[in-house]
Amino acid sequence: MIGIVKSATIAIVLVALGIARAGFTAEANSPVKIDTAKIIDLTYSFDARTIYWPTEKGFVHQFEKNGDTPEHYFYASANYAAPEHGGTHTDAPRHFNRRGITLDQVPLTDCIGPAAVIDFSARAARDPDAMLSVDDIEAYEAANGRIPDGAIVVARSGWGKYWPDKKRYMGTDKPGDVAGLRFPGYSAAAVDFILKNRQVVAIAIDTASMDPGNSKDFPVHRIWLGANKPGFENLANAEKLPARGATIFCIPMKIGSGTGGPTRIFAMMP
């Protein structure tokens, strides 16, 4: 038990140090100061334009109250409904893993870490079926050093430039048309390499899925989520991230028994 507590304490300290290096400063007996210029929002707003899988219904937000009360003060309250998987969101392991942890069980230590941003946007611009490869990982490490332990790998395809144009972003805007999906993703070989050779807590991508749109059997989901690790999809503003040095925070809605859910993702720049 002592060893477990000690390890947890060390982890918390390391996270705190990472946060401090990423733009948080504090002096004794003074409030923590945040350099807002170093914060990058990586989350799309959830609204009527939010992109979901062709088989899913969209985001619904309806006001119940939105105006002055009889007591002459303003009051607003609304209801919302949404599929778990759409917009900027988390895939919990349970999504493709019968014995995987659910969204409320995903530890925050798997949601926070140094961002290793691997760019394959030039190839994706020529080929909507492009996949991040082992060669891309090796080229990244040759230029930036080994992916650090505890990292969140971000595959940057450049696809965010198409949001919220559903036809360009997904390859189709027809309800139910899964056959028409065309967008980049990870290759199964790349994810298998990361899983077996690097101590990475999560992977993320700026498209609608970790697998490319033309995938029929979702090997990336099965490999990564099968290892009980979370994935993050539909990152916004990925083009603003440096290849290394940023700290990324992926904070999902804590849905009990959830297979996924809306997630606020942001990064602190070095």
Protein backbone atom coordinates (compact mmCIF):
# COMPACT_ATOMS: atom_id res chain seq x y z
CA MET A 1 0.00 0.00 0.00
CA ILE A 2 2.84 2.40 0.84
CA GLY A 3 4.37 1.76 -2.58
CA ILE A 4 1.05 2.49 -4.30
CA VAL A 5 0.58 5.74 -2.38
CA LYS A 6 4.14 6.78 -3.11
CA SER A 7 3.72 6.08 -6.83
CA ALA A 8 0.46 8.04 -6.91
CA THR A 9 2.10 10.95 -5.12
CA ILE A 10 5.00 10.99 -7.56
CA ALA A 11 2.57 10.95 -10.48
CA ILE A 12 0.62 13.90 -9.08
CA VAL A 13 3.85 15.85 -8.52
CA LEU A 14 4.99 15.15 -12.08
CA VAL A 15 1.66 16.32 -13.48
CA ALA A 16 1.84 19.45 -11.34
CA LEU A 17 5.35 20.15 -12.60
CA GLY A 18 4.16 19.70 -16.17
CA ILE A 19 1.30 22.14 -15.57
CA ALA A 20 3.66 24.68 -14.02
CA ARG A 21 6.01 24.49 -16.99
CA ALA A 22 3.06 24.95 -19.31
CA GLY A 23 2.07 28.36 -18.10
CA PHE A 24 0.92 28.24 -14.47
CA THR A 25 2.92 30.33 -12.00
CA ALA A 26 2.45 31.08 -8.34
CA GLU A 27 4.20 32.97 -5.60
CA ALA A 28 3.94 32.25 -1.89
CA ASN A 29 0.61 33.39 -0.46
CA SER A 30 -0.62 34.64 -3.84
CA PRO A 31 -3.21 33.30 -6.30
CA VAL A 32 -2.09 31.01 -9.10
CA LYS A 33 -1.59 32.99 -12.29
CA ILE A 34 -2.48 31.50 -15.66
CA ASP A 35 -0.92 32.82 -18.84
CA THR A 36 -4.06 32.76 -20.99
CA ALA A 37 -2.00 33.36 -24.13
CA LYS A 38 -0.62 29.85 -23.71
CA ILE A 39 -4.01 28.11 -23.65
CA ILE A 40 -5.25 26.54 -26.88
CA ASP A 41 -8.85 25.33 -27.02
CA LEU A 42 -8.99 22.02 -28.90
CA THR A 43 -12.76 21.56 -28.57
CA TYR A 44 -15.56 22.22 -31.03
CA SER A 45 -18.75 23.74 -29.63
CA PHE A 46 -21.70 21.38 -29.29
CA ASP A 47 -24.60 22.79 -31.27
CA ALA A 48 -26.78 22.15 -34.31
CA ARG A 49 -23.67 22.02 -36.54
CA THR A 50 -21.85 19.36 -34.52
CA ILE A 51 -20.82 16.43 -36.72
CA TYR A 52 -21.89 12.91 -35.78
CA TRP A 53 -21.62 9.51 -37.43
CA PRO A 54 -24.12 9.10 -40.30
CA THR A 55 -26.14 6.59 -38.28
CA GLU A 56 -26.53 8.92 -35.28
CA LYS A 57 -28.94 11.70 -34.46
CA GLY A 58 -27.50 15.16 -33.90
CA PHE A 59 -27.09 17.36 -30.86
CA VAL A 60 -30.33 18.76 -29.44
CA HIS A 61 -30.54 21.78 -27.14
CA GLN A 62 -33.91 23.20 -26.12
CA PHE A 63 -34.71 25.98 -23.67
CA GLU A 64 -37.35 25.34 -21.02
CA LYS A 65 -37.00 28.83 -19.56
CA ASN A 66 -35.30 31.80 -21.13
CA GLY A 67 -36.57 35.16 -19.92
CA ASP A 68 -37.85 37.25 -17.04
CA THR A 69 -39.62 35.57 -14.14
CA PRO A 70 -42.77 36.91 -12.39
CA GLU A 71 -40.35 38.11 -9.70
CA HIS A 72 -38.60 40.28 -12.34
CA TYR A 73 -35.25 38.54 -12.59
CA PHE A 74 -33.83 36.75 -15.60
CA TYR A 75 -33.69 32.94 -15.59
CA ALA A 76 -32.60 30.46 -18.28
CA SER A 77 -32.52 26.67 -18.26
CA ALA A 78 -32.43 24.12 -21.06
CA ASN A 79 -32.36 20.42 -21.83
CA TYR A 80 -29.93 18.71 -24.16
CA ALA A 81 -29.57 15.28 -25.74
CA ALA A 82 -26.75 13.81 -27.79
CA PRO A 83 -25.13 10.55 -28.88
CA GLU A 84 -22.00 9.66 -26.90
CA HIS A 85 -19.79 9.66 -30.00
CA GLY A 86 -19.68 12.90 -31.93
CA GLY A 87 -18.09 16.30 -31.78
CA THR A 88 -14.95 16.52 -29.67
CA HIS A 89 -15.25 13.42 -27.55
CA THR A 90 -13.66 10.47 -25.76
CA ASP A 91 -13.85 6.85 -26.80
CA ALA A 92 -13.83 4.85 -23.59
CA PRO A 93 -12.38 1.33 -23.85
CA ARG A 94 -15.87 -0.17 -23.41
CA HIS A 95 -16.75 1.22 -26.86
CA PHE A 96 -14.96 -1.73 -28.54
CA ASN A 97 -13.93 -3.86 -25.57
CA ARG A 98 -16.49 -6.08 -23.82
CA ARG A 99 -14.45 -5.99 -20.60
CA GLY A 100 -13.15 -2.45 -21.02
CA ILE A 101 -13.56 0.33 -18.51
CA THR A 102 -16.42 2.78 -19.00
CA LEU A 103 -16.10 6.53 -19.34
CA ASP A 104 -16.55 7.26 -15.65
CA GLN A 105 -13.75 4.78 -14.90
CA VAL A 106 -11.15 6.32 -17.22
CA PRO A 107 -8.48 7.72 -14.85
CA LEU A 108 -7.54 11.36 -15.24
CA THR A 109 -3.92 10.24 -15.43
CA ASP A 110 -4.85 8.82 -18.87
CA CYS A 111 -6.34 12.16 -19.91
CA ILE A 112 -3.44 14.52 -19.15
CA GLY A 113 0.07 14.39 -20.55
CA PRO A 114 2.69 15.85 -22.86
CA ALA A 115 1.41 16.09 -26.42
CA ALA A 116 3.42 14.32 -29.12
CA VAL A 117 1.95 15.81 -32.30
CA ILE A 118 2.75 13.77 -35.39
CA ASP A 119 1.86 15.58 -38.61
CA PHE A 120 0.87 13.67 -41.74
CA SER A 121 -1.26 16.46 -43.23
CA ALA A 122 0.73 16.77 -46.47
CA ARG A 123 -0.03 13.16 -47.36
CA ALA A 124 -3.64 13.46 -46.15
CA ALA A 125 -4.16 16.50 -48.40
CA ARG A 126 -3.41 14.25 -51.38
CA ASP A 127 -5.24 11.18 -50.12
CA PRO A 128 -8.35 11.23 -47.89
CA ASP A 129 -7.66 7.58 -47.01
CA ALA A 130 -4.19 8.38 -45.65
CA MET A 131 -3.11 6.74 -42.40
CA LEU A 132 -0.52 7.73 -39.85
CA SER A 133 2.19 5.08 -40.22
CA VAL A 134 5.13 3.61 -38.31
CA ASP A 135 7.37 5.56 -40.70
CA ASP A 136 5.66 8.77 -39.58
CA ILE A 137 6.37 7.90 -35.95
CA GLU A 138 10.02 7.13 -36.69
CA ALA A 139 10.42 10.36 -38.66
CA TYR A 140 8.84 12.30 -35.80
CA GLU A 141 11.21 10.79 -33.25
CA ALA A 142 14.24 11.42 -35.48
CA ALA A 143 13.34 15.11 -35.47
CA ASN A 144 11.92 15.53 -31.96
CA GLY A 145 13.28 12.74 -29.79
CA ARG A 146 11.56 9.69 -28.41
CA ILE A 147 7.87 10.04 -27.54
CA PRO A 148 7.95 10.66 -23.76
CA ASP A 149 6.42 8.28 -21.27
CA GLY A 150 2.90 9.33 -20.29
CA ALA A 151 2.37 11.15 -23.58
CA ILE A 152 -0.82 11.62 -25.56
CA VAL A 153 -0.05 11.10 -29.24
CA VAL A 154 -1.96 13.44 -31.54
CA ALA A 155 -2.24 12.46 -35.21
CA ARG A 156 -2.56 15.72 -37.15
CA SER A 157 -4.17 15.20 -40.54
CA GLY A 158 -5.14 18.82 -41.17
CA TRP A 159 -8.78 17.75 -41.49
CA GLY A 160 -9.95 20.45 -39.11
CA LYS A 161 -9.95 22.90 -42.02
CA TYR A 162 -13.15 21.25 -43.23
CA TRP A 163 -15.17 21.56 -40.00
CA PRO A 164 -18.20 22.03 -39.92
CA ASP A 165 -18.71 21.13 -43.60
CA LYS A 166 -19.96 17.60 -43.01
CA LYS A 167 -19.56 16.44 -46.62
CA ARG A 168 -15.93 17.54 -46.80
CA TYR A 169 -15.10 16.46 -43.25
CA MET A 170 -16.77 13.03 -43.40
CA GLY A 171 -16.84 12.35 -47.13
CA THR A 172 -20.64 12.21 -47.07
CA ASP A 173 -23.50 14.17 -45.60
CA LYS A 174 -26.18 11.56 -46.30
CA PRO A 175 -27.87 10.04 -43.22
CA GLY A 176 -26.91 6.39 -42.81
CA ASP A 177 -24.25 6.49 -45.55
CA VAL A 178 -21.35 4.73 -43.81
CA ALA A 179 -20.10 3.42 -47.17
CA GLY A 180 -19.32 6.98 -48.27
CA LEU A 181 -17.09 7.88 -45.31
CA ARG A 182 -13.65 9.19 -46.41
CA PHE A 183 -11.18 10.76 -43.99
CA PRO A 184 -7.71 9.97 -42.60
CA GLY A 185 -6.90 7.95 -39.48
CA TYR A 186 -4.25 5.87 -37.77
CA SER A 187 -2.95 2.66 -39.28
CA ALA A 188 -3.31 -0.49 -37.20
CA ALA A 189 0.45 -1.04 -37.50
CA ALA A 190 1.20 2.41 -36.05
CA VAL A 191 -1.10 1.91 -33.08
CA ASP A 192 0.29 -1.57 -32.47
CA PHE A 193 3.82 -0.11 -32.54
CA ILE A 194 2.90 2.61 -30.04
CA LEU A 195 1.18 0.15 -27.75
CA LYS A 196 4.07 -2.32 -27.70
CA ASN A 197 7.04 0.05 -27.76
CA ARG A 198 6.08 3.33 -26.08
CA GLN A 199 4.49 4.18 -22.72
CA VAL A 200 1.65 6.28 -24.14
CA VAL A 201 -1.54 6.87 -22.12
CA ALA A 202 -3.86 7.88 -24.97
CA ILE A 203 -4.09 8.71 -28.66
CA ALA A 204 -6.03 11.50 -30.34
CA ILE A 205 -6.83 12.73 -33.85
CA ASP A 206 -8.39 15.71 -35.65
CA THR A 207 -10.85 13.56 -37.61
CA ALA A 208 -14.07 11.76 -36.76
CA SER A 209 -12.39 8.44 -35.95
CA MET A 210 -9.08 6.87 -34.97
CA ASP A 211 -9.65 4.47 -37.89
CA PRO A 212 -9.81 5.99 -41.37
CA GLY A 213 -13.29 6.56 -42.75
CA ASN A 214 -13.09 3.70 -45.24
CA SER A 215 -12.39 1.14 -42.50
CA LYS A 216 -14.93 -1.66 -42.25
CA ASP A 217 -13.71 -3.54 -39.16
CA PHE A 218 -12.07 -0.78 -37.05
CA PRO A 219 -8.77 -2.45 -36.15
CA VAL A 220 -7.37 0.68 -34.48
CA HIS A 221 -10.32 0.88 -32.13
CA ARG A 222 -10.08 -2.82 -31.36
CA ILE A 223 -6.34 -2.70 -30.68
CA TRP A 224 -6.19 0.52 -28.68
CA LEU A 225 -9.43 0.30 -26.74
CA GLY A 226 -8.80 -3.41 -26.34
CA ALA A 227 -5.74 -2.44 -24.29
CA ASN A 228 -8.04 -0.46 -21.96
CA LYS A 229 -6.73 2.90 -23.14
CA PRO A 230 -8.89 5.89 -24.14
CA GLY A 231 -8.90 7.69 -27.47
CA PHE A 232 -9.94 11.25 -28.34
CA GLU A 233 -11.53 12.24 -31.65
CA ASN A 234 -12.50 15.43 -33.50
CA LEU A 235 -9.82 17.66 -31.97
CA ALA A 236 -10.13 21.29 -33.04
CA ASN A 237 -7.23 23.65 -33.77
CA ALA A 238 -4.67 20.86 -33.96
CA GLU A 239 -2.69 22.98 -36.41
CA LYS A 240 -1.85 25.34 -33.54
CA LEU A 241 -0.03 22.69 -31.53
CA PRO A 242 3.77 22.40 -31.66
CA ALA A 243 5.29 19.02 -32.40
CA ARG A 244 6.38 18.74 -28.78
CA GLY A 245 6.35 20.77 -25.56
CA ALA A 246 2.62 21.34 -25.00
CA THR A 247 0.67 19.69 -22.20
CA ILE A 248 -2.73 18.38 -23.27
CA PHE A 249 -5.81 18.01 -21.05
CA CYS A 250 -8.70 15.82 -22.25
CA ILE A 251 -11.47 16.06 -19.64
CA PRO A 252 -14.49 13.91 -20.51
CA MET A 253 -17.99 14.23 -19.17
CA LYS A 254 -18.16 11.62 -16.38
CA ILE A 255 -20.98 9.43 -17.71
CA GLY A 256 -21.69 6.34 -15.65
CA SER A 257 -21.47 3.21 -17.83
CA GLY A 258 -20.62 5.47 -20.77
CA THR A 259 -18.88 4.12 -23.85
CA GLY A 260 -17.82 7.67 -24.65
CA GLY A 261 -18.92 11.25 -24.25
CA PRO A 262 -18.38 14.95 -24.90
CA THR A 263 -14.94 16.11 -23.82
CA ARG A 264 -13.37 19.51 -23.20
CA ILE A 265 -9.85 19.31 -24.60
CA PHE A 266 -7.26 22.06 -24.31
CA ALA A 267 -3.51 22.45 -24.27
CA MET A 268 -1.04 24.59 -22.40
CA MET A 269 1.78 25.78 -24.64
CA PRO A 270 5.39 25.65 -23.45
